[in-house]
Amino acid sequence: MSRKGNCWADLGFCHNAPTESFWGRLKTASLYGRTFATRKEAMDAVLDWMVFYNHRRLHSTLGYGSPMQYENRWHAAQPKKAA
């Protein structure tokens, strides 16, 4: 969780704003208004949306790349350390 004064967490009811935003988007985009016949069907819908969210969704603050593209670029830019 977070410490006092952290603007991403000091919301009173929510201690992790980015995570809460993620779950809110998931519910709105993939789950609300849908009925699933089985638990597996619901789980598959969640996993499909998470793959989209992390691998295909473009985000303007990430240079119009996906979160995974951004993370891969970040890792590639890190200096390599000798073992």
PDB file of N, CA and C in Angstrom:
ATOM      1  N   MET A   1       0.849  -1.165   0.000  1.00  0.00           N
ATOM      2  CA  MET A   1       0.000   0.000   0.000  1.00  0.00           C
ATOM      3  C   MET A   1       0.901   1.237   0.000  1.00  0.00           C
ATOM      4  N   SER A   2       0.358   2.362   0.321  1.00  0.00           N
ATOM      5  CA  SER A   2       1.118   3.590   0.145  1.00  0.00           C
ATOM      6  C   SER A   2       1.351   4.312   1.464  1.00  0.00           C
ATOM      7  N   ARG A   3       2.134   5.363   1.349  1.00  0.00           N
ATOM      8  CA  ARG A   3       2.406   6.189   2.523  1.00  0.00           C
ATOM      9  C   ARG A   3       1.641   7.502   2.402  1.00  0.00           C
ATOM     10  N   LYS A   4       1.529   8.213   3.492  1.00  0.00           N
ATOM     11  CA  LYS A   4       0.817   9.483   3.524  1.00  0.00           C
ATOM     12  C   LYS A   4       1.488  10.482   2.587  1.00  0.00           C
ATOM     13  N   GLY A   5       0.673  11.225   1.864  1.00  0.00           N
ATOM     14  CA  GLY A   5       1.197  12.236   0.962  1.00  0.00           C
ATOM     15  C   GLY A   5       1.411  11.740  -0.452  1.00  0.00           C
ATOM     16  N   ASN A   6       1.174  10.476  -0.712  1.00  0.00           N
ATOM     17  CA  ASN A   6       1.323   9.932  -2.055  1.00  0.00           C
ATOM     18  C   ASN A   6       0.047  10.243  -2.822  1.00  0.00           C
ATOM     19  N   CYS A   7       0.129  11.125  -3.830  1.00  0.00           N
ATOM     20  CA  CYS A   7      -1.070  11.574  -4.530  1.00  0.00           C
ATOM     21  C   CYS A   7      -1.777  10.434  -5.253  1.00  0.00           C
ATOM     22  N   TRP A   8      -1.072   9.346  -5.566  1.00  0.00           N
ATOM     23  CA  TRP A   8      -1.692   8.216  -6.249  1.00  0.00           C
ATOM     24  C   TRP A   8      -2.497   7.369  -5.283  1.00  0.00           C
ATOM     25  N   ALA A   9      -2.337   7.592  -4.011  1.00  0.00           N
ATOM     26  CA  ALA A   9      -2.994   6.701  -3.068  1.00  0.00           C
ATOM     27  C   ALA A   9      -3.773   7.413  -1.981  1.00  0.00           C
ATOM     28  N   ASP A  10      -3.532   8.667  -1.763  1.00  0.00           N
ATOM     29  CA  ASP A  10      -4.144   9.356  -0.642  1.00  0.00           C
ATOM     30  C   ASP A  10      -5.558   9.832  -1.000  1.00  0.00           C
ATOM     31  N   LEU A  11      -6.421   8.890  -1.342  1.00  0.00           N
ATOM     32  CA  LEU A  11      -7.788   9.214  -1.732  1.00  0.00           C
ATOM     33  C   LEU A  11      -8.790   8.855  -0.647  1.00  0.00           C
ATOM     34  N   GLY A  12      -8.323   8.381   0.481  1.00  0.00           N
ATOM     35  CA  GLY A  12      -9.209   8.017   1.570  1.00  0.00           C
ATOM     36  C   GLY A  12      -9.719   6.590   1.446  1.00  0.00           C
ATOM     37  N   PHE A  13     -10.488   6.319   0.399  1.00  0.00           N
ATOM     38  CA  PHE A  13     -11.087   4.996   0.238  1.00  0.00           C
ATOM     39  C   PHE A  13     -10.265   4.091  -0.659  1.00  0.00           C
ATOM     40  N   CYS A  14      -9.357   4.636  -1.396  1.00  0.00           N
ATOM     41  CA  CYS A  14      -8.619   3.876  -2.411  1.00  0.00           C
ATOM     42  C   CYS A  14      -7.126   4.084  -2.213  1.00  0.00           C
ATOM     43  N   HIS A  15      -6.401   3.029  -2.001  1.00  0.00           N
ATOM     44  CA  HIS A  15      -4.967   3.147  -1.750  1.00  0.00           C
ATOM     45  C   HIS A  15      -4.117   2.859  -2.969  1.00  0.00           C
ATOM     46  N   ASN A  16      -4.728   2.548  -4.088  1.00  0.00           N
ATOM     47  CA  ASN A  16      -3.952   2.238  -5.271  1.00  0.00           C
ATOM     48  C   ASN A  16      -4.737   2.688  -6.499  1.00  0.00           C
ATOM     49  N   ALA A  17      -4.667   3.967  -6.805  1.00  0.00           N
ATOM     50  CA  ALA A  17      -5.478   4.547  -7.874  1.00  0.00           C
ATOM     51  C   ALA A  17      -5.249   3.904  -9.238  1.00  0.00           C
ATOM     52  N   PRO A  18      -3.998   3.643  -9.665  1.00  0.00           N
ATOM     53  CA  PRO A  18      -3.834   3.018 -10.982  1.00  0.00           C
ATOM     54  C   PRO A  18      -4.483   1.633 -11.056  1.00  0.00           C
ATOM     55  N   THR A  19      -4.384   0.856 -10.005  1.00  0.00           N
ATOM     56  CA  THR A  19      -4.997  -0.470 -10.009  1.00  0.00           C
ATOM     57  C   THR A  19      -6.507  -0.368 -10.002  1.00  0.00           C
ATOM     58  N   GLU A  20      -7.053   0.543  -9.212  1.00  0.00           N
ATOM     59  CA  GLU A  20      -8.496   0.732  -9.188  1.00  0.00           C
ATOM     60  C   GLU A  20      -9.006   1.185 -10.549  1.00  0.00           C
ATOM     61  N   SER A  21      -8.236   2.027 -11.222  1.00  0.00           N
ATOM     62  CA  SER A  21      -8.610   2.471 -12.563  1.00  0.00           C
ATOM     63  C   SER A  21      -8.641   1.289 -13.527  1.00  0.00           C
ATOM     64  N   PHE A  22      -7.640   0.423 -13.437  1.00  0.00           N
ATOM     65  CA  PHE A  22      -7.580  -0.770 -14.283  1.00  0.00           C
ATOM     66  C   PHE A  22      -8.824  -1.626 -14.095  1.00  0.00           C
ATOM     67  N   TRP A  23      -9.179  -1.935 -12.836  1.00  0.00           N
ATOM     68  CA  TRP A  23     -10.343  -2.782 -12.576  1.00  0.00           C
ATOM     69  C   TRP A  23     -11.629  -2.103 -13.019  1.00  0.00           C
ATOM     70  N   GLY A  24     -11.725  -0.792 -12.852  1.00  0.00           N
ATOM     71  CA  GLY A  24     -12.900  -0.064 -13.316  1.00  0.00           C
ATOM     72  C   GLY A  24     -13.067  -0.152 -14.819  1.00  0.00           C
ATOM     73  N   ARG A  25     -11.955  -0.003 -15.541  1.00  0.00           N
ATOM     74  CA  ARG A  25     -12.008  -0.114 -17.000  1.00  0.00           C
ATOM     75  C   ARG A  25     -12.391  -1.522 -17.428  1.00  0.00           C
ATOM     76  N   LEU A  26     -11.848  -2.504 -16.752  1.00  0.00           N
ATOM     77  CA  LEU A  26     -12.190  -3.898 -17.057  1.00  0.00           C
ATOM     78  C   LEU A  26     -13.687  -4.118 -16.914  1.00  0.00           C
ATOM     79  N   LYS A  27     -14.239  -3.691 -15.808  1.00  0.00           N
ATOM     80  CA  LYS A  27     -15.663  -3.904 -15.561  1.00  0.00           C
ATOM     81  C   LYS A  27     -16.518  -3.191 -16.594  1.00  0.00           C
ATOM     82  N   THR A  28     -16.176  -1.950 -16.894  1.00  0.00           N
ATOM     83  CA  THR A  28     -16.964  -1.172 -17.841  1.00  0.00           C
ATOM     84  C   THR A  28     -16.861  -1.738 -19.260  1.00  0.00           C
ATOM     85  N   ALA A  29     -15.659  -2.080 -19.690  1.00  0.00           N
ATOM     86  CA  ALA A  29     -15.446  -2.508 -21.067  1.00  0.00           C
ATOM     87  C   ALA A  29     -15.807  -3.958 -21.323  1.00  0.00           C
ATOM     88  N   SER A  30     -15.740  -4.801 -20.308  1.00  0.00           N
ATOM     89  CA  SER A  30     -15.845  -6.228 -20.577  1.00  0.00           C
ATOM     90  C   SER A  30     -16.925  -6.967 -19.806  1.00  0.00           C
ATOM     91  N   LEU A  31     -17.342  -6.463 -18.661  1.00  0.00           N
ATOM     92  CA  LEU A  31     -18.218  -7.267 -17.815  1.00  0.00           C
ATOM     93  C   LEU A  31     -19.620  -6.716 -17.624  1.00  0.00           C
ATOM     94  N   TYR A  32     -19.780  -5.405 -17.473  1.00  0.00           N
ATOM     95  CA  TYR A  32     -21.100  -4.835 -17.187  1.00  0.00           C
ATOM     96  C   TYR A  32     -22.088  -5.185 -18.290  1.00  0.00           C
ATOM     97  N   GLY A  33     -23.259  -5.618 -17.904  1.00  0.00           N
ATOM     98  CA  GLY A  33     -24.322  -5.928 -18.848  1.00  0.00           C
ATOM     99  C   GLY A  33     -24.215  -7.286 -19.512  1.00  0.00           C
ATOM    100  N   ARG A  34     -23.208  -8.040 -19.166  1.00  0.00           N
ATOM    101  CA  ARG A  34     -23.034  -9.363 -19.763  1.00  0.00           C
ATOM    102  C   ARG A  34     -23.420 -10.436 -18.763  1.00  0.00           C
ATOM    103  N   THR A  35     -23.892 -11.536 -19.287  1.00  0.00           N
ATOM    104  CA  THR A  35     -24.199 -12.710 -18.471  1.00  0.00           C
ATOM    105  C   THR A  35     -23.341 -13.853 -18.979  1.00  0.00           C
ATOM    106  N   PHE A  36     -22.719 -14.559 -18.074  1.00  0.00           N
ATOM    107  CA  PHE A  36     -21.848 -15.671 -18.438  1.00  0.00           C
ATOM    108  C   PHE A  36     -22.485 -16.978 -17.998  1.00  0.00           C
ATOM    109  N   ALA A  37     -22.431 -17.976 -18.868  1.00  0.00           N
ATOM    110  CA  ALA A  37     -23.034 -19.272 -18.559  1.00  0.00           C
ATOM    111  C   ALA A  37     -22.209 -20.042 -17.536  1.00  0.00           C
ATOM    112  N   THR A  38     -20.891 -19.842 -17.577  1.00  0.00           N
ATOM    113  CA  THR A  38     -20.014 -20.575 -16.666  1.00  0.00           C
ATOM    114  C   THR A  38     -18.962 -19.635 -16.096  1.00  0.00           C
ATOM    115  N   ARG A  39     -18.355 -20.066 -15.026  1.00  0.00           N
ATOM    116  CA  ARG A  39     -17.253 -19.298 -14.434  1.00  0.00           C
ATOM    117  C   ARG A  39     -16.085 -19.228 -15.420  1.00  0.00           C
ATOM    118  N   LYS A  40     -15.833 -20.313 -16.146  1.00  0.00           N
ATOM    119  CA  LYS A  40     -14.742 -20.324 -17.125  1.00  0.00           C
ATOM    120  C   LYS A  40     -14.979 -19.284 -18.216  1.00  0.00           C
ATOM    121  N   GLU A  41     -16.206 -19.149 -18.666  1.00  0.00           N
ATOM    122  CA  GLU A  41     -16.521 -18.149 -19.680  1.00  0.00           C
ATOM    123  C   GLU A  41     -16.223 -16.743 -19.164  1.00  0.00           C
ATOM    124  N   ALA A  42     -16.556 -16.466 -17.928  1.00  0.00           N
ATOM    125  CA  ALA A  42     -16.260 -15.162 -17.331  1.00  0.00           C
ATOM    126  C   ALA A  42     -14.755 -14.960 -17.191  1.00  0.00           C
ATOM    127  N   MET A  43     -14.061 -15.981 -16.748  1.00  0.00           N
ATOM    128  CA  MET A  43     -12.603 -15.878 -16.602  1.00  0.00           C
ATOM    129  C   MET A  43     -11.934 -15.658 -17.956  1.00  0.00           C
ATOM    130  N   ASP A  44     -12.417 -16.330 -18.989  1.00  0.00           N
ATOM    131  CA  ASP A  44     -11.858 -16.140 -20.329  1.00  0.00           C
ATOM    132  C   ASP A  44     -12.076 -14.714 -20.823  1.00  0.00           C
ATOM    133  N   ALA A  45     -13.252 -14.142 -20.522  1.00  0.00           N
ATOM    134  CA  ALA A  45     -13.527 -12.761 -20.914  1.00  0.00           C
ATOM    135  C   ALA A  45     -12.563 -11.803 -20.215  1.00  0.00           C
ATOM    136  N   VAL A  46     -12.307 -12.039 -18.950  1.00  0.00           N
ATOM    137  CA  VAL A  46     -11.365 -11.193 -18.200  1.00  0.00           C
ATOM    138  C   VAL A  46      -9.959 -11.334 -18.770  1.00  0.00           C
ATOM    139  N   LEU A  47      -9.521 -12.539 -19.016  1.00  0.00           N
ATOM    140  CA  LEU A  47      -8.168 -12.752 -19.556  1.00  0.00           C
ATOM    141  C   LEU A  47      -8.018 -12.157 -20.947  1.00  0.00           C
ATOM    142  N   ASP A  48      -9.036 -12.304 -21.794  1.00  0.00           N
ATOM    143  CA  ASP A  48      -8.973 -11.702 -23.127  1.00  0.00           C
ATOM    144  C   ASP A  48      -8.825 -10.190 -23.027  1.00  0.00           C
ATOM    145  N   TRP A  49      -9.583  -9.583 -22.119  1.00  0.00           N
ATOM    146  CA  TRP A  49      -9.500  -8.136 -21.967  1.00  0.00           C
ATOM    147  C   TRP A  49      -8.133  -7.721 -21.429  1.00  0.00           C
ATOM    148  N   MET A  50      -7.580  -8.489 -20.500  1.00  0.00           N
ATOM    149  CA  MET A  50      -6.264  -8.155 -19.940  1.00  0.00           C
ATOM    150  C   MET A  50      -5.174  -8.247 -21.003  1.00  0.00           C
ATOM    151  N   VAL A  51      -5.272  -9.222 -21.888  1.00  0.00           N
ATOM    152  CA  VAL A  51      -4.304  -9.324 -22.991  1.00  0.00           C
ATOM    153  C   VAL A  51      -4.424  -8.093 -23.881  1.00  0.00           C
ATOM    154  N   PHE A  52      -5.659  -7.712 -24.212  1.00  0.00           N
ATOM    155  CA  PHE A  52      -5.859  -6.496 -24.998  1.00  0.00           C
ATOM    156  C   PHE A  52      -5.271  -5.285 -24.275  1.00  0.00           C
ATOM    157  N   TYR A  53      -5.590  -5.121 -23.000  1.00  0.00           N
ATOM    158  CA  TYR A  53      -5.168  -3.963 -22.221  1.00  0.00           C
ATOM    159  C   TYR A  53      -3.645  -3.827 -22.189  1.00  0.00           C
ATOM    160  N   ASN A  54      -2.955  -4.927 -22.041  1.00  0.00           N
ATOM    161  CA  ASN A  54      -1.500  -4.870 -21.897  1.00  0.00           C
ATOM    162  C   ASN A  54      -0.720  -4.960 -23.200  1.00  0.00           C
ATOM    163  N   HIS A  55      -1.283  -5.603 -24.216  1.00  0.00           N
ATOM    164  CA  HIS A  55      -0.507  -5.865 -25.435  1.00  0.00           C
ATOM    165  C   HIS A  55      -0.958  -5.080 -26.660  1.00  0.00           C
ATOM    166  N   ARG A  56      -2.214  -4.670 -26.736  1.00  0.00           N
ATOM    167  CA  ARG A  56      -2.701  -4.019 -27.953  1.00  0.00           C
ATOM    168  C   ARG A  56      -3.239  -2.610 -27.736  1.00  0.00           C
ATOM    169  N   ARG A  57      -3.619  -2.253 -26.531  1.00  0.00           N
ATOM    170  CA  ARG A  57      -4.200  -0.937 -26.257  1.00  0.00           C
ATOM    171  C   ARG A  57      -3.117   0.129 -26.366  1.00  0.00           C
ATOM    172  N   LEU A  58      -3.326   1.102 -27.223  1.00  0.00           N
ATOM    173  CA  LEU A  58      -2.361   2.186 -27.391  1.00  0.00           C
ATOM    174  C   LEU A  58      -2.687   3.307 -26.412  1.00  0.00           C
ATOM    175  N   HIS A  59      -1.639   3.909 -25.867  1.00  0.00           N
ATOM    176  CA  HIS A  59      -1.830   4.943 -24.862  1.00  0.00           C
ATOM    177  C   HIS A  59      -0.994   6.162 -25.234  1.00  0.00           C
ATOM    178  N   SER A  60      -1.613   7.326 -25.245  1.00  0.00           N
ATOM    179  CA  SER A  60      -0.931   8.538 -25.689  1.00  0.00           C
ATOM    180  C   SER A  60       0.284   8.888 -24.831  1.00  0.00           C
ATOM    181  N   THR A  61       0.198   8.680 -23.513  1.00  0.00           N
ATOM    182  CA  THR A  61       1.344   9.043 -22.667  1.00  0.00           C
ATOM    183  C   THR A  61       2.486   8.040 -22.775  1.00  0.00           C
ATOM    184  N   LEU A  62       2.266   6.935 -23.471  1.00  0.00           N
ATOM    185  CA  LEU A  62       3.333   5.956 -23.696  1.00  0.00           C
ATOM    186  C   LEU A  62       3.836   6.040 -25.134  1.00  0.00           C
ATOM    187  N   GLY A  63       3.649   7.198 -25.762  1.00  0.00           N
ATOM    188  CA  GLY A  63       4.099   7.373 -27.137  1.00  0.00           C
ATOM    189  C   GLY A  63       3.250   6.580 -28.119  1.00  0.00           C
ATOM    190  N   TYR A  64       1.985   6.421 -27.823  1.00  0.00           N
ATOM    191  CA  TYR A  64       1.039   5.653 -28.637  1.00  0.00           C
ATOM    192  C   TYR A  64       1.513   4.225 -28.862  1.00  0.00           C
ATOM    193  N   GLY A  65       2.060   3.661 -27.820  1.00  0.00           N
ATOM    194  CA  GLY A  65       2.417   2.247 -27.806  1.00  0.00           C
ATOM    195  C   GLY A  65       1.634   1.550 -26.707  1.00  0.00           C
ATOM    196  N   SER A  66       1.730   0.241 -26.687  1.00  0.00           N
ATOM    197  CA  SER A  66       1.054  -0.523 -25.640  1.00  0.00           C
ATOM    198  C   SER A  66       1.910  -0.522 -24.374  1.00  0.00           C
ATOM    199  N   PRO A  67       1.313  -0.846 -23.237  1.00  0.00           N
ATOM    200  CA  PRO A  67       2.108  -0.936 -22.014  1.00  0.00           C
ATOM    201  C   PRO A  67       3.276  -1.936 -22.153  1.00  0.00           C
ATOM    202  N   MET A  68       3.056  -3.051 -22.837  1.00  0.00           N
ATOM    203  CA  MET A  68       4.142  -4.029 -22.993  1.00  0.00           C
ATOM    204  C   MET A  68       5.247  -3.488 -23.901  1.00  0.00           C
ATOM    205  N   GLN A  69       4.886  -2.762 -24.953  1.00  0.00           N
ATOM    206  CA  GLN A  69       5.909  -2.155 -25.808  1.00  0.00           C
ATOM    207  C   GLN A  69       6.743  -1.161 -25.003  1.00  0.00           C
ATOM    208  N   TYR A  70       6.077  -0.365 -24.186  1.00  0.00           N
ATOM    209  CA  TYR A  70       6.772   0.612 -23.349  1.00  0.00           C
ATOM    210  C   TYR A  70       7.730  -0.092 -22.391  1.00  0.00           C
ATOM    211  N   GLU A  71       7.242  -1.141 -21.734  1.00  0.00           N
ATOM    212  CA  GLU A  71       8.090  -1.861 -20.790  1.00  0.00           C
ATOM    213  C   GLU A  71       9.273  -2.518 -21.495  1.00  0.00           C
ATOM    214  N   ASN A  72       9.045  -3.104 -22.661  1.00  0.00           N
ATOM    215  CA  ASN A  72      10.141  -3.728 -23.411  1.00  0.00           C
ATOM    216  C   ASN A  72      11.183  -2.700 -23.827  1.00  0.00           C
ATOM    217  N   ARG A  73      10.732  -1.504 -24.269  1.00  0.00           N
ATOM    218  CA  ARG A  73      11.685  -0.437 -24.622  1.00  0.00           C
ATOM    219  C   ARG A  73      12.481  -0.006 -23.393  1.00  0.00           C
ATOM    220  N   TRP A  74      11.816   0.093 -22.246  1.00  0.00           N
ATOM    221  CA  TRP A  74      12.494   0.504 -21.021  1.00  0.00           C
ATOM    222  C   TRP A  74      13.575  -0.503 -20.649  1.00  0.00           C
ATOM    223  N   HIS A  75      13.238  -1.792 -20.674  1.00  0.00           N
ATOM    224  CA  HIS A  75      14.223  -2.823 -20.334  1.00  0.00           C
ATOM    225  C   HIS A  75      15.391  -2.804 -21.314  1.00  0.00           C
ATOM    226  N   ALA A  76      15.121  -2.612 -22.594  1.00  0.00           N
ATOM    227  CA  ALA A  76      16.193  -2.595 -23.588  1.00  0.00           C
ATOM    228  C   ALA A  76      17.120  -1.399 -23.381  1.00  0.00           C
ATOM    229  N   ALA A  77      16.618  -0.322 -22.826  1.00  0.00           N
ATOM    230  CA  ALA A  77      17.428   0.882 -22.621  1.00  0.00           C
ATOM    231  C   ALA A  77      18.278   0.831 -21.353  1.00  0.00           C
ATOM    232  N   GLN A  78      18.056  -0.160 -20.508  1.00  0.00           N
ATOM    233  CA  GLN A  78      18.812  -0.258 -19.257  1.00  0.00           C
ATOM    234  C   GLN A  78      20.221  -0.769 -19.545  1.00  0.00           C
ATOM    235  N   PRO A  79      21.210  -0.212 -18.854  1.00  0.00           N
ATOM    236  CA  PRO A  79      22.572  -0.704 -19.057  1.00  0.00           C
ATOM    237  C   PRO A  79      22.700  -2.161 -18.632  1.00  0.00           C
ATOM    238  N   LYS A  80      23.442  -2.905 -19.405  1.00  0.00           N
ATOM    239  CA  LYS A  80      23.661  -4.319 -19.099  1.00  0.00           C
ATOM    240  C   LYS A  80      24.774  -4.440 -18.063  1.00  0.00           C
ATOM    241  N   LYS A  81      24.537  -5.259 -17.036  1.00  0.00           N
ATOM    242  CA  LYS A  81      25.530  -5.478 -15.994  1.00  0.00           C
ATOM    243  C   LYS A  81      26.185  -6.831 -16.201  1.00  0.00           C
ATOM    244  N   ALA A  82      27.474  -6.876 -15.983  1.00  0.00           N
ATOM    245  CA  ALA A  82      28.203  -8.137 -16.094  1.00  0.00           C
ATOM    246  C   ALA A  82      27.819  -9.054 -14.941  1.00  0.00           C
ATOM    247  N   ALA A  83      27.763 -10.329 -15.227  1.00  0.00           N
ATOM    248  CA  ALA A  83      27.371 -11.298 -14.188  1.00  0.00           C
ATOM    249  C   ALA A  83      28.481 -11.582 -13.228  1.00  0.00           C
TER     250      ALA A  83
END
